[in-house]
Amino acid sequence: MSASIEFDDTSTSLSGTLRQLIDGIKGQSVTLRQLMDAVGEQGLLLICAIASLPFLLPVSIPGVSTVFGAAIILISLAITANRLPWLPKKILDRELDTKKLLPALEKGVSIVSRLDRFLKPRISALTTGRLVSRVNGLAIAAGGVLLMFPLGLVPFSNTLPGIAILLLSTGMIQRDGLIVLGGYLFNVVTVIYFGVLAYVAFSAGQGIASMFA
C-alpha cells in the first residue's frame, strides 16, 4: 500500500521552480519522469501546476494532452486519497519534443510570475482540512479528464481546463481560496463550452441529415 503524504506549502515561487526546470531540460526530448525528478520534493500540486502550463496556449501541443492529462488525473487522485501516486511506465517514459514543449513553458513563466504576485493566503475554508483537500483534488482530476477530451484542434478546448488546473493547484499550494474558487469557475466554464460544442455539432448533423432525407 502506498504511504500517506503531507501537502506542505512550497517555499519557492512557482515561476522560480519553473525557471529552474526549463534551465535543466537538455536534448531533443524529455520524459515526464525527468520532469518530475527535476521538480524534486516541491510537491504533487506543483507538478500538476507545471503540467498545466503547455495548455495555456490557444492550440495544444500534439501528444502532450494525453501524457500530462493522464498524469494530472492520477496525481490528483493520489492527492484525494492522501497517498503517493502510481504512474504507469508508458506515461512516465513517453518522450516529448522539447522544441515544442520549451516555448510553452517559457510562456508559462511570464504568466505564473504575474500570478505569483497575486497569490496570498485568504478564504482558508476552501484550502484547509483533509475533506477540502480531497474535494479540491477531485476538481483537479475533473480538469484532467476535460483536458483529455479529443478536441485538441478546437480553440480553447485545452486552454480552459488547463487554467482550471493551474488555479486549483497554485491556490492550494499558497492557501489562496480565491484562486481555488477561480479554478472551479473555469471547470464549470469548460463544461458549458463543451456542451455548446456538442449542441452545435448535433444541430449541424441533424441539418445535414435532413438535407439528404
N, C-alpha and C. Protein backbone atom coordinates (compact mmCIF):
# COMPACT_ATOMS: atom_id res chain seq x y z
N MET A 1 0.85 -1.20 0.00
CA MET A 1 0.00 0.00 0.00
C MET A 1 0.88 1.24 0.00
N SER A 2 0.46 2.27 -0.71
CA SER A 2 1.25 3.49 -0.79
C SER A 2 1.26 4.21 0.55
N ALA A 3 2.34 4.92 0.82
CA ALA A 3 2.46 5.67 2.06
C ALA A 3 1.64 6.93 1.98
N SER A 4 1.20 7.40 3.17
CA SER A 4 0.47 8.66 3.20
C SER A 4 1.43 9.81 3.02
N ILE A 5 0.89 10.95 2.65
CA ILE A 5 1.73 12.10 2.36
C ILE A 5 1.16 13.34 3.02
N GLU A 6 2.00 14.31 3.21
CA GLU A 6 1.58 15.60 3.74
C GLU A 6 1.81 16.66 2.67
N PHE A 7 0.85 17.54 2.49
CA PHE A 7 0.96 18.57 1.48
C PHE A 7 1.29 19.89 2.14
N ASP A 8 2.58 20.23 2.13
CA ASP A 8 3.05 21.47 2.74
C ASP A 8 3.13 22.57 1.71
N ASP A 9 3.07 23.81 2.17
CA ASP A 9 3.25 24.95 1.27
C ASP A 9 4.69 24.96 0.76
N THR A 10 4.87 25.32 -0.50
CA THR A 10 6.21 25.41 -1.05
C THR A 10 6.83 26.76 -0.68
N SER A 11 8.13 26.75 -0.38
CA SER A 11 8.82 28.00 -0.03
C SER A 11 9.37 28.69 -1.26
N THR A 12 9.32 28.03 -2.42
CA THR A 12 9.81 28.61 -3.67
C THR A 12 8.63 28.95 -4.56
N SER A 13 8.69 30.11 -5.22
CA SER A 13 7.60 30.50 -6.10
C SER A 13 7.49 29.54 -7.28
N LEU A 14 6.29 29.45 -7.85
CA LEU A 14 6.08 28.58 -8.99
C LEU A 14 6.93 29.01 -10.17
N SER A 15 7.02 30.32 -10.41
CA SER A 15 7.81 30.80 -11.55
C SER A 15 9.29 30.49 -11.36
N GLY A 16 9.79 30.58 -10.12
CA GLY A 16 11.18 30.26 -9.85
C GLY A 16 11.48 28.79 -10.08
N THR A 17 10.59 27.92 -9.61
CA THR A 17 10.77 26.49 -9.82
C THR A 17 10.69 26.15 -11.30
N LEU A 18 9.77 26.81 -12.00
CA LEU A 18 9.61 26.56 -13.44
C LEU A 18 10.86 26.99 -14.20
N ARG A 19 11.45 28.11 -13.82
CA ARG A 19 12.66 28.57 -14.48
C ARG A 19 13.80 27.57 -14.28
N GLN A 20 13.92 27.01 -13.06
CA GLN A 20 14.93 26.00 -12.80
C GLN A 20 14.68 24.76 -13.64
N LEU A 21 13.41 24.41 -13.81
CA LEU A 21 13.06 23.24 -14.60
C LEU A 21 13.45 23.43 -16.07
N ILE A 22 13.14 24.60 -16.62
CA ILE A 22 13.46 24.90 -18.02
C ILE A 22 14.97 24.86 -18.24
N ASP A 23 15.72 25.46 -17.32
CA ASP A 23 17.17 25.50 -17.45
C ASP A 23 17.79 24.12 -17.39
N GLY A 24 17.09 23.16 -16.76
CA GLY A 24 17.64 21.82 -16.62
C GLY A 24 17.27 20.87 -17.74
N ILE A 25 16.37 21.28 -18.64
CA ILE A 25 15.97 20.40 -19.74
C ILE A 25 17.02 20.42 -20.84
N LYS A 26 17.50 19.22 -21.19
CA LYS A 26 18.54 19.09 -22.21
C LYS A 26 18.07 18.13 -23.31
N GLY A 27 18.67 18.25 -24.49
CA GLY A 27 18.43 17.29 -25.56
C GLY A 27 17.19 17.59 -26.39
N GLN A 28 16.88 16.66 -27.31
CA GLN A 28 15.79 16.82 -28.25
C GLN A 28 14.45 16.41 -27.65
N SER A 29 14.48 15.62 -26.57
CA SER A 29 13.23 15.15 -25.98
C SER A 29 13.38 15.07 -24.47
N VAL A 30 12.25 14.99 -23.79
CA VAL A 30 12.23 14.88 -22.34
C VAL A 30 11.03 14.03 -21.96
N THR A 31 11.13 13.30 -20.86
CA THR A 31 10.02 12.48 -20.40
C THR A 31 9.40 13.08 -19.15
N LEU A 32 8.19 12.63 -18.84
CA LEU A 32 7.52 13.10 -17.63
C LEU A 32 8.31 12.69 -16.39
N ARG A 33 8.94 11.51 -16.46
CA ARG A 33 9.77 11.06 -15.33
C ARG A 33 10.89 12.06 -15.05
N GLN A 34 11.54 12.55 -16.11
CA GLN A 34 12.62 13.53 -15.95
C GLN A 34 12.11 14.85 -15.40
N LEU A 35 10.91 15.26 -15.86
CA LEU A 35 10.34 16.49 -15.35
C LEU A 35 10.01 16.38 -13.87
N MET A 36 9.46 15.23 -13.47
CA MET A 36 9.11 15.03 -12.06
C MET A 36 10.36 14.97 -11.20
N ASP A 37 11.43 14.33 -11.71
CA ASP A 37 12.69 14.29 -10.97
C ASP A 37 13.27 15.70 -10.81
N ALA A 38 13.11 16.53 -11.84
CA ALA A 38 13.65 17.89 -11.79
C ALA A 38 12.91 18.74 -10.76
N VAL A 39 11.64 18.52 -10.62
CA VAL A 39 10.85 19.27 -9.63
C VAL A 39 11.27 18.89 -8.22
N GLY A 40 11.67 17.61 -8.03
CA GLY A 40 12.13 17.17 -6.72
C GLY A 40 11.00 17.09 -5.71
N GLU A 41 11.24 17.64 -4.53
CA GLU A 41 10.30 17.50 -3.43
C GLU A 41 9.36 18.70 -3.28
N GLN A 42 9.22 19.48 -4.33
CA GLN A 42 8.34 20.64 -4.24
C GLN A 42 6.88 20.23 -4.05
N GLY A 43 6.52 19.02 -4.45
CA GLY A 43 5.18 18.56 -4.15
C GLY A 43 4.36 18.20 -5.36
N LEU A 44 3.36 17.36 -5.13
CA LEU A 44 2.49 16.88 -6.20
C LEU A 44 1.66 18.00 -6.81
N LEU A 45 1.22 18.93 -6.00
CA LEU A 45 0.42 20.04 -6.52
C LEU A 45 1.22 20.88 -7.50
N LEU A 46 2.50 21.05 -7.21
CA LEU A 46 3.36 21.82 -8.09
C LEU A 46 3.53 21.11 -9.43
N ILE A 47 3.59 19.77 -9.40
CA ILE A 47 3.69 19.01 -10.64
C ILE A 47 2.44 19.22 -11.48
N CYS A 48 1.26 19.20 -10.84
CA CYS A 48 0.02 19.45 -11.57
C CYS A 48 0.01 20.84 -12.19
N ALA A 49 0.49 21.82 -11.44
CA ALA A 49 0.52 23.19 -11.95
C ALA A 49 1.45 23.30 -13.15
N ILE A 50 2.63 22.71 -13.06
CA ILE A 50 3.59 22.76 -14.17
C ILE A 50 3.06 22.01 -15.38
N ALA A 51 2.40 20.87 -15.15
CA ALA A 51 1.86 20.08 -16.26
C ALA A 51 0.74 20.81 -16.99
N SER A 52 0.10 21.77 -16.34
CA SER A 52 -0.99 22.51 -16.99
C SER A 52 -0.49 23.63 -17.90
N LEU A 53 0.78 24.04 -17.74
CA LEU A 53 1.29 25.21 -18.45
C LEU A 53 1.29 25.10 -19.97
N PRO A 54 1.64 23.93 -20.56
CA PRO A 54 1.61 23.87 -22.03
C PRO A 54 0.24 24.13 -22.65
N PHE A 55 -0.81 24.03 -21.84
CA PHE A 55 -2.16 24.17 -22.38
C PHE A 55 -2.70 25.59 -22.26
N LEU A 56 -1.86 26.52 -21.82
CA LEU A 56 -2.29 27.91 -21.74
C LEU A 56 -2.25 28.58 -23.10
N LEU A 57 -1.70 27.88 -24.10
CA LEU A 57 -1.75 28.36 -25.47
C LEU A 57 -3.09 27.99 -26.09
N PRO A 58 -3.64 28.80 -27.02
CA PRO A 58 -4.96 28.52 -27.60
C PRO A 58 -5.07 27.16 -28.27
N VAL A 59 -3.97 26.63 -28.85
CA VAL A 59 -3.98 25.33 -29.51
C VAL A 59 -2.97 24.44 -28.79
N SER A 60 -3.35 23.20 -28.49
CA SER A 60 -2.50 22.31 -27.71
C SER A 60 -1.34 21.76 -28.55
N ILE A 61 -0.33 21.22 -27.85
CA ILE A 61 0.80 20.57 -28.49
C ILE A 61 0.47 19.10 -28.66
N PRO A 62 0.58 18.55 -29.89
CA PRO A 62 0.20 17.15 -30.13
C PRO A 62 0.91 16.18 -29.19
N GLY A 63 0.14 15.26 -28.60
CA GLY A 63 0.70 14.23 -27.74
C GLY A 63 0.84 14.61 -26.29
N VAL A 64 0.88 15.90 -25.98
CA VAL A 64 1.11 16.33 -24.60
C VAL A 64 -0.15 16.17 -23.75
N SER A 65 -1.33 16.44 -24.33
CA SER A 65 -2.56 16.39 -23.54
C SER A 65 -2.81 15.00 -22.98
N THR A 66 -2.47 13.96 -23.74
CA THR A 66 -2.67 12.59 -23.28
C THR A 66 -1.74 12.26 -22.11
N VAL A 67 -0.45 12.58 -22.27
CA VAL A 67 0.53 12.27 -21.23
C VAL A 67 0.29 13.11 -19.98
N PHE A 68 0.24 14.42 -20.14
CA PHE A 68 0.08 15.29 -18.98
C PHE A 68 -1.31 15.18 -18.38
N GLY A 69 -2.33 15.01 -19.22
CA GLY A 69 -3.69 14.86 -18.71
C GLY A 69 -3.82 13.64 -17.84
N ALA A 70 -3.29 12.51 -18.31
CA ALA A 70 -3.33 11.27 -17.51
C ALA A 70 -2.54 11.43 -16.22
N ALA A 71 -1.38 12.07 -16.31
CA ALA A 71 -0.56 12.29 -15.12
C ALA A 71 -1.29 13.16 -14.10
N ILE A 72 -1.94 14.22 -14.58
CA ILE A 72 -2.68 15.11 -13.68
C ILE A 72 -3.80 14.36 -12.98
N ILE A 73 -4.52 13.51 -13.73
CA ILE A 73 -5.61 12.74 -13.14
C ILE A 73 -5.09 11.81 -12.05
N LEU A 74 -4.04 11.05 -12.35
CA LEU A 74 -3.52 10.08 -11.38
C LEU A 74 -2.93 10.77 -10.16
N ILE A 75 -2.20 11.88 -10.38
CA ILE A 75 -1.62 12.61 -9.25
C ILE A 75 -2.71 13.24 -8.38
N SER A 76 -3.72 13.84 -9.03
CA SER A 76 -4.79 14.47 -8.26
C SER A 76 -5.61 13.44 -7.49
N LEU A 77 -5.78 12.24 -8.04
CA LEU A 77 -6.46 11.18 -7.31
C LEU A 77 -5.63 10.73 -6.11
N ALA A 78 -4.29 10.77 -6.26
CA ALA A 78 -3.42 10.47 -5.13
C ALA A 78 -3.56 11.53 -4.05
N ILE A 79 -3.70 12.79 -4.48
CA ILE A 79 -3.93 13.88 -3.52
C ILE A 79 -5.25 13.66 -2.80
N THR A 80 -6.28 13.25 -3.55
CA THR A 80 -7.59 12.99 -2.96
C THR A 80 -7.53 11.88 -1.93
N ALA A 81 -6.76 10.84 -2.25
CA ALA A 81 -6.64 9.69 -1.34
C ALA A 81 -5.55 9.87 -0.29
N ASN A 82 -4.81 11.00 -0.37
CA ASN A 82 -3.71 11.27 0.54
C ASN A 82 -2.66 10.16 0.49
N ARG A 83 -2.32 9.74 -0.74
CA ARG A 83 -1.35 8.68 -0.97
C ARG A 83 -0.36 9.10 -2.04
N LEU A 84 0.83 8.52 -2.03
CA LEU A 84 1.78 8.75 -3.11
C LEU A 84 1.24 8.15 -4.40
N PRO A 85 1.42 8.83 -5.53
CA PRO A 85 0.80 8.37 -6.78
C PRO A 85 1.56 7.23 -7.44
N TRP A 86 0.80 6.41 -8.18
CA TRP A 86 1.40 5.42 -9.06
C TRP A 86 1.13 5.87 -10.48
N LEU A 87 2.18 5.91 -11.30
CA LEU A 87 2.04 6.29 -12.70
C LEU A 87 2.60 5.18 -13.57
N PRO A 88 1.88 4.77 -14.61
CA PRO A 88 2.38 3.70 -15.49
C PRO A 88 3.64 4.12 -16.23
N LYS A 89 4.50 3.15 -16.50
CA LYS A 89 5.77 3.40 -17.17
C LYS A 89 5.56 4.03 -18.55
N LYS A 90 4.47 3.65 -19.22
CA LYS A 90 4.18 4.18 -20.55
C LYS A 90 4.00 5.69 -20.51
N ILE A 91 3.41 6.21 -19.44
CA ILE A 91 3.21 7.65 -19.29
C ILE A 91 4.50 8.32 -18.83
N LEU A 92 5.18 7.70 -17.86
CA LEU A 92 6.39 8.31 -17.31
C LEU A 92 7.51 8.43 -18.33
N ASP A 93 7.64 7.44 -19.23
CA ASP A 93 8.79 7.37 -20.12
C ASP A 93 8.48 7.73 -21.57
N ARG A 94 7.29 8.23 -21.85
CA ARG A 94 6.99 8.66 -23.21
C ARG A 94 7.76 9.95 -23.51
N GLU A 95 8.47 9.99 -24.62
CA GLU A 95 9.31 11.13 -24.96
C GLU A 95 8.48 12.26 -25.57
N LEU A 96 8.75 13.49 -25.11
CA LEU A 96 8.07 14.69 -25.60
C LEU A 96 9.09 15.59 -26.28
N ASP A 97 8.71 16.18 -27.39
CA ASP A 97 9.61 17.03 -28.17
C ASP A 97 9.88 18.33 -27.42
N THR A 98 11.13 18.55 -27.03
CA THR A 98 11.47 19.75 -26.26
C THR A 98 11.34 21.02 -27.08
N LYS A 99 11.49 20.92 -28.43
CA LYS A 99 11.37 22.11 -29.27
C LYS A 99 9.96 22.69 -29.21
N LYS A 100 8.97 21.83 -28.98
CA LYS A 100 7.59 22.30 -28.86
C LYS A 100 7.21 22.57 -27.41
N LEU A 101 7.82 21.83 -26.49
CA LEU A 101 7.46 21.97 -25.08
C LEU A 101 8.07 23.20 -24.44
N LEU A 102 9.35 23.48 -24.73
CA LEU A 102 10.04 24.59 -24.08
C LEU A 102 9.40 25.96 -24.34
N PRO A 103 8.99 26.28 -25.59
CA PRO A 103 8.33 27.58 -25.80
C PRO A 103 7.08 27.75 -24.95
N ALA A 104 6.32 26.66 -24.78
CA ALA A 104 5.11 26.73 -23.95
C ALA A 104 5.47 26.97 -22.49
N LEU A 105 6.53 26.31 -22.00
CA LEU A 105 6.95 26.52 -20.62
C LEU A 105 7.52 27.92 -20.42
N GLU A 106 8.25 28.44 -21.44
CA GLU A 106 8.77 29.81 -21.36
C GLU A 106 7.62 30.81 -21.24
N LYS A 107 6.59 30.61 -22.04
CA LYS A 107 5.42 31.48 -21.95
C LYS A 107 4.76 31.35 -20.58
N GLY A 108 4.80 30.14 -20.05
CA GLY A 108 4.23 29.90 -18.74
C GLY A 108 4.93 30.68 -17.64
N VAL A 109 6.25 30.88 -17.79
CA VAL A 109 7.00 31.64 -16.79
C VAL A 109 6.44 33.05 -16.65
N SER A 110 6.19 33.70 -17.80
CA SER A 110 5.68 35.08 -17.76
C SER A 110 4.28 35.14 -17.17
N ILE A 111 3.51 34.09 -17.40
CA ILE A 111 2.13 34.07 -16.87
C ILE A 111 2.13 33.85 -15.37
N VAL A 112 2.86 32.82 -14.91
CA VAL A 112 2.81 32.49 -13.49
C VAL A 112 3.59 33.49 -12.64
N SER A 113 4.53 34.22 -13.23
CA SER A 113 5.23 35.25 -12.46
C SER A 113 4.26 36.36 -12.05
N ARG A 114 3.31 36.65 -12.92
CA ARG A 114 2.26 37.62 -12.55
C ARG A 114 1.31 37.02 -11.53
N LEU A 115 1.04 35.73 -11.68
CA LEU A 115 0.16 35.05 -10.72
C LEU A 115 0.80 34.98 -9.35
N ASP A 116 2.13 34.78 -9.30
CA ASP A 116 2.85 34.72 -8.03
C ASP A 116 2.63 35.98 -7.20
N ARG A 117 2.62 37.14 -7.87
CA ARG A 117 2.47 38.41 -7.14
C ARG A 117 1.06 38.57 -6.57
N PHE A 118 0.12 37.84 -7.14
CA PHE A 118 -1.28 37.98 -6.72
C PHE A 118 -1.65 37.00 -5.62
N LEU A 119 -0.91 35.89 -5.53
CA LEU A 119 -1.23 34.84 -4.58
C LEU A 119 -0.96 35.27 -3.14
N LYS A 120 -1.90 34.95 -2.25
CA LYS A 120 -1.71 35.19 -0.82
C LYS A 120 -2.76 34.39 -0.05
N PRO A 121 -2.48 34.03 1.20
CA PRO A 121 -3.45 33.25 1.98
C PRO A 121 -4.75 34.03 2.21
N ARG A 122 -5.88 33.43 1.85
CA ARG A 122 -7.20 34.03 2.08
C ARG A 122 -8.28 32.97 1.84
N ILE A 123 -9.46 33.22 2.37
CA ILE A 123 -10.60 32.30 2.29
C ILE A 123 -10.11 30.88 2.62
N SER A 124 -9.60 30.72 3.84
CA SER A 124 -8.98 29.45 4.24
C SER A 124 -9.95 28.28 4.22
N ALA A 125 -11.24 28.54 4.26
CA ALA A 125 -12.22 27.45 4.25
C ALA A 125 -12.14 26.62 2.98
N LEU A 126 -11.60 27.20 1.90
CA LEU A 126 -11.51 26.50 0.62
C LEU A 126 -10.15 25.82 0.41
N THR A 127 -9.26 25.92 1.40
CA THR A 127 -7.90 25.37 1.20
C THR A 127 -7.40 24.53 2.37
N THR A 128 -8.07 24.53 3.49
CA THR A 128 -7.56 23.82 4.67
C THR A 128 -8.52 22.69 5.06
N GLY A 129 -7.94 21.64 5.62
CA GLY A 129 -8.72 20.50 6.06
C GLY A 129 -8.62 19.34 5.08
N ARG A 130 -8.65 18.13 5.61
CA ARG A 130 -8.49 16.94 4.78
C ARG A 130 -9.64 16.79 3.78
N LEU A 131 -10.87 17.04 4.23
CA LEU A 131 -12.02 16.90 3.35
C LEU A 131 -11.95 17.90 2.20
N VAL A 132 -11.59 19.14 2.51
CA VAL A 132 -11.47 20.17 1.47
C VAL A 132 -10.38 19.79 0.47
N SER A 133 -9.25 19.29 0.97
CA SER A 133 -8.17 18.88 0.07
C SER A 133 -8.61 17.77 -0.87
N ARG A 134 -9.42 16.85 -0.36
CA ARG A 134 -9.90 15.76 -1.20
C ARG A 134 -10.87 16.26 -2.27
N VAL A 135 -11.75 17.19 -1.88
CA VAL A 135 -12.69 17.75 -2.85
C VAL A 135 -11.93 18.53 -3.93
N ASN A 136 -10.94 19.31 -3.49
CA ASN A 136 -10.13 20.07 -4.46
C ASN A 136 -9.34 19.12 -5.37
N GLY A 137 -8.87 18.01 -4.81
CA GLY A 137 -8.16 17.02 -5.62
C GLY A 137 -9.06 16.43 -6.70
N LEU A 138 -10.32 16.17 -6.35
CA LEU A 138 -11.28 15.67 -7.33
C LEU A 138 -11.55 16.71 -8.41
N ALA A 139 -11.55 17.99 -8.03
CA ALA A 139 -11.76 19.07 -9.00
C ALA A 139 -10.59 19.12 -10.00
N ILE A 140 -9.37 18.91 -9.51
CA ILE A 140 -8.21 18.87 -10.40
C ILE A 140 -8.31 17.66 -11.33
N ALA A 141 -8.74 16.52 -10.79
CA ALA A 141 -8.92 15.32 -11.62
C ALA A 141 -9.96 15.57 -12.70
N ALA A 142 -11.05 16.27 -12.35
CA ALA A 142 -12.08 16.60 -13.34
C ALA A 142 -11.49 17.47 -14.45
N GLY A 143 -10.63 18.41 -14.07
CA GLY A 143 -9.96 19.23 -15.07
C GLY A 143 -9.08 18.39 -15.98
N GLY A 144 -8.41 17.37 -15.41
CA GLY A 144 -7.58 16.48 -16.20
C GLY A 144 -8.40 15.68 -17.20
N VAL A 145 -9.59 15.23 -16.77
CA VAL A 145 -10.48 14.50 -17.68
C VAL A 145 -10.92 15.40 -18.84
N LEU A 146 -11.30 16.63 -18.52
CA LEU A 146 -11.70 17.58 -19.56
C LEU A 146 -10.54 17.87 -20.51
N LEU A 147 -9.34 17.88 -19.95
CA LEU A 147 -8.14 18.15 -20.75
C LEU A 147 -7.89 17.07 -21.79
N MET A 148 -8.30 15.84 -21.50
CA MET A 148 -8.03 14.72 -22.37
C MET A 148 -9.10 14.50 -23.44
N PHE A 149 -10.14 15.33 -23.44
CA PHE A 149 -11.14 15.21 -24.50
C PHE A 149 -10.47 15.39 -25.86
N PRO A 150 -10.84 14.59 -26.86
CA PRO A 150 -10.17 14.65 -28.18
C PRO A 150 -10.60 15.86 -29.00
N LEU A 151 -10.32 17.06 -28.47
CA LEU A 151 -10.72 18.29 -29.14
C LEU A 151 -9.54 19.24 -29.30
N GLY A 152 -8.32 18.66 -29.46
CA GLY A 152 -7.11 19.46 -29.47
C GLY A 152 -7.07 20.56 -30.52
N LEU A 153 -7.75 20.35 -31.66
CA LEU A 153 -7.73 21.35 -32.72
C LEU A 153 -8.79 22.43 -32.53
N VAL A 154 -9.67 22.26 -31.54
CA VAL A 154 -10.70 23.26 -31.26
C VAL A 154 -10.10 24.32 -30.34
N PRO A 155 -10.14 25.61 -30.72
CA PRO A 155 -9.56 26.66 -29.88
C PRO A 155 -10.10 26.64 -28.45
N PHE A 156 -9.21 26.75 -27.48
CA PHE A 156 -9.52 26.86 -26.06
C PHE A 156 -10.04 25.57 -25.43
N SER A 157 -10.12 24.47 -26.19
CA SER A 157 -10.62 23.22 -25.61
C SER A 157 -9.64 22.67 -24.56
N ASN A 158 -8.35 22.92 -24.72
CA ASN A 158 -7.35 22.54 -23.72
C ASN A 158 -6.99 23.71 -22.80
N THR A 159 -7.15 24.93 -23.30
CA THR A 159 -6.75 26.11 -22.52
C THR A 159 -7.62 26.27 -21.28
N LEU A 160 -8.94 26.14 -21.42
CA LEU A 160 -9.85 26.36 -20.30
C LEU A 160 -9.61 25.39 -19.14
N PRO A 161 -9.57 24.06 -19.39
CA PRO A 161 -9.28 23.17 -18.27
C PRO A 161 -7.84 23.32 -17.76
N GLY A 162 -6.90 23.73 -18.65
CA GLY A 162 -5.53 23.98 -18.20
C GLY A 162 -5.48 25.11 -17.19
N ILE A 163 -6.24 26.17 -17.44
CA ILE A 163 -6.31 27.28 -16.49
C ILE A 163 -6.93 26.83 -15.18
N ALA A 164 -7.97 26.00 -15.27
CA ALA A 164 -8.63 25.50 -14.06
C ALA A 164 -7.65 24.72 -13.19
N ILE A 165 -6.86 23.84 -13.82
CA ILE A 165 -5.89 23.04 -13.08
C ILE A 165 -4.81 23.92 -12.47
N LEU A 166 -4.33 24.90 -13.22
CA LEU A 166 -3.30 25.81 -12.71
C LEU A 166 -3.80 26.58 -11.50
N LEU A 167 -5.01 27.11 -11.58
CA LEU A 167 -5.57 27.89 -10.47
C LEU A 167 -5.82 27.03 -9.24
N LEU A 168 -6.38 25.84 -9.44
CA LEU A 168 -6.65 24.95 -8.31
C LEU A 168 -5.35 24.53 -7.62
N SER A 169 -4.34 24.19 -8.41
CA SER A 169 -3.07 23.71 -7.85
C SER A 169 -2.34 24.82 -7.10
N THR A 170 -2.17 25.97 -7.76
CA THR A 170 -1.43 27.07 -7.11
C THR A 170 -2.22 27.63 -5.94
N GLY A 171 -3.54 27.65 -6.04
CA GLY A 171 -4.36 28.12 -4.92
C GLY A 171 -4.19 27.25 -3.70
N MET A 172 -4.13 25.93 -3.90
CA MET A 172 -3.93 25.02 -2.78
C MET A 172 -2.53 25.16 -2.19
N ILE A 173 -1.53 25.34 -3.07
CA ILE A 173 -0.15 25.48 -2.59
C ILE A 173 -0.01 26.69 -1.68
N GLN A 174 -0.55 27.82 -2.13
CA GLN A 174 -0.39 29.08 -1.40
C GLN A 174 -1.55 29.38 -0.47
N ARG A 175 -2.46 28.41 -0.29
CA ARG A 175 -3.61 28.56 0.60
C ARG A 175 -4.45 29.78 0.22
N ASP A 176 -4.65 29.96 -1.10
CA ASP A 176 -5.43 31.10 -1.60
C ASP A 176 -6.79 30.59 -2.08
N GLY A 177 -7.80 30.73 -1.25
CA GLY A 177 -9.12 30.22 -1.57
C GLY A 177 -9.77 30.93 -2.74
N LEU A 178 -9.42 32.20 -2.95
CA LEU A 178 -10.00 32.93 -4.08
C LEU A 178 -9.52 32.34 -5.40
N ILE A 179 -8.24 31.98 -5.47
CA ILE A 179 -7.69 31.36 -6.68
C ILE A 179 -8.30 29.98 -6.89
N VAL A 180 -8.49 29.23 -5.81
CA VAL A 180 -9.14 27.92 -5.90
C VAL A 180 -10.56 28.08 -6.45
N LEU A 181 -11.26 29.08 -5.98
CA LEU A 181 -12.62 29.34 -6.47
C LEU A 181 -12.61 29.64 -7.96
N GLY A 182 -11.59 30.38 -8.41
CA GLY A 182 -11.44 30.66 -9.84
C GLY A 182 -11.23 29.37 -10.63
N GLY A 183 -10.51 28.39 -10.05
CA GLY A 183 -10.31 27.11 -10.70
C GLY A 183 -11.62 26.37 -10.90
N TYR A 184 -12.47 26.38 -9.88
CA TYR A 184 -13.79 25.76 -10.01
C TYR A 184 -14.60 26.45 -11.11
N LEU A 185 -14.50 27.77 -11.16
CA LEU A 185 -15.25 28.53 -12.17
C LEU A 185 -14.82 28.12 -13.58
N PHE A 186 -13.51 27.96 -13.80
CA PHE A 186 -13.04 27.58 -15.13
C PHE A 186 -13.43 26.14 -15.47
N ASN A 187 -13.53 25.27 -14.48
CA ASN A 187 -14.04 23.92 -14.74
C ASN A 187 -15.49 23.98 -15.24
N VAL A 188 -16.29 24.82 -14.59
CA VAL A 188 -17.69 24.98 -14.99
C VAL A 188 -17.78 25.58 -16.39
N VAL A 189 -16.97 26.61 -16.65
CA VAL A 189 -16.96 27.24 -17.98
C VAL A 189 -16.58 26.22 -19.05
N THR A 190 -15.61 25.34 -18.74
CA THR A 190 -15.19 24.32 -19.70
C THR A 190 -16.34 23.37 -20.02
N VAL A 191 -17.06 22.93 -18.99
CA VAL A 191 -18.20 22.03 -19.21
C VAL A 191 -19.26 22.70 -20.08
N ILE A 192 -19.54 23.98 -19.82
CA ILE A 192 -20.51 24.72 -20.62
C ILE A 192 -20.03 24.84 -22.06
N TYR A 193 -18.75 25.14 -22.22
CA TYR A 193 -18.17 25.30 -23.56
C TYR A 193 -18.27 24.00 -24.35
N PHE A 194 -17.92 22.88 -23.71
CA PHE A 194 -18.02 21.59 -24.38
C PHE A 194 -19.47 21.25 -24.71
N GLY A 195 -20.38 21.64 -23.80
CA GLY A 195 -21.80 21.40 -24.06
C GLY A 195 -22.29 22.16 -25.28
N VAL A 196 -21.84 23.40 -25.42
CA VAL A 196 -22.21 24.21 -26.58
C VAL A 196 -21.65 23.59 -27.85
N LEU A 197 -20.39 23.14 -27.81
CA LEU A 197 -19.78 22.49 -28.97
C LEU A 197 -20.56 21.24 -29.37
N ALA A 198 -20.96 20.45 -28.38
CA ALA A 198 -21.72 19.24 -28.66
C ALA A 198 -23.08 19.57 -29.28
N TYR A 199 -23.72 20.62 -28.77
CA TYR A 199 -25.04 21.02 -29.31
C TYR A 199 -24.91 21.50 -30.75
N VAL A 200 -23.86 22.29 -31.02
CA VAL A 200 -23.64 22.79 -32.37
C VAL A 200 -23.37 21.63 -33.33
N ALA A 201 -22.53 20.69 -32.89
CA ALA A 201 -22.22 19.53 -33.73
C ALA A 201 -23.46 18.69 -34.00
N PHE A 202 -24.28 18.50 -32.96
CA PHE A 202 -25.51 17.72 -33.12
C PHE A 202 -26.48 18.42 -34.07
N SER A 203 -26.63 19.74 -33.91
CA SER A 203 -27.53 20.50 -34.78
C SER A 203 -27.06 20.47 -36.23
N ALA A 204 -25.74 20.57 -36.41
CA ALA A 204 -25.19 20.51 -37.78
C ALA A 204 -25.44 19.14 -38.39
N GLY A 205 -25.29 18.10 -37.59
CA GLY A 205 -25.53 16.74 -38.08
C GLY A 205 -26.99 16.54 -38.46
N GLN A 206 -27.87 17.08 -37.64
CA GLN A 206 -29.31 16.99 -37.93
C GLN A 206 -29.64 17.73 -39.24
N GLY A 207 -29.01 18.90 -39.43
CA GLY A 207 -29.25 19.68 -40.63
C GLY A 207 -28.79 18.95 -41.89
N ILE A 208 -27.60 18.34 -41.79
CA ILE A 208 -27.07 17.60 -42.93
C ILE A 208 -27.96 16.38 -43.23
N ALA A 209 -28.40 15.70 -42.16
CA ALA A 209 -29.26 14.53 -42.37
C ALA A 209 -30.58 14.89 -43.02
N SER A 210 -31.14 16.06 -42.64
CA SER A 210 -32.42 16.47 -43.21
C SER A 210 -32.28 16.84 -44.69
N MET A 211 -31.07 17.28 -45.09
CA MET A 211 -30.84 17.62 -46.50
C MET A 211 -30.90 16.39 -47.41
N PHE A 212 -30.47 15.25 -46.82
CA PHE A 212 -30.45 14.02 -47.63
C PHE A 212 -31.69 13.17 -47.42
N ALA A 213 -32.57 13.62 -46.51
CA ALA A 213 -33.79 12.82 -46.24
C ALA A 213 -34.76 12.94 -47.40
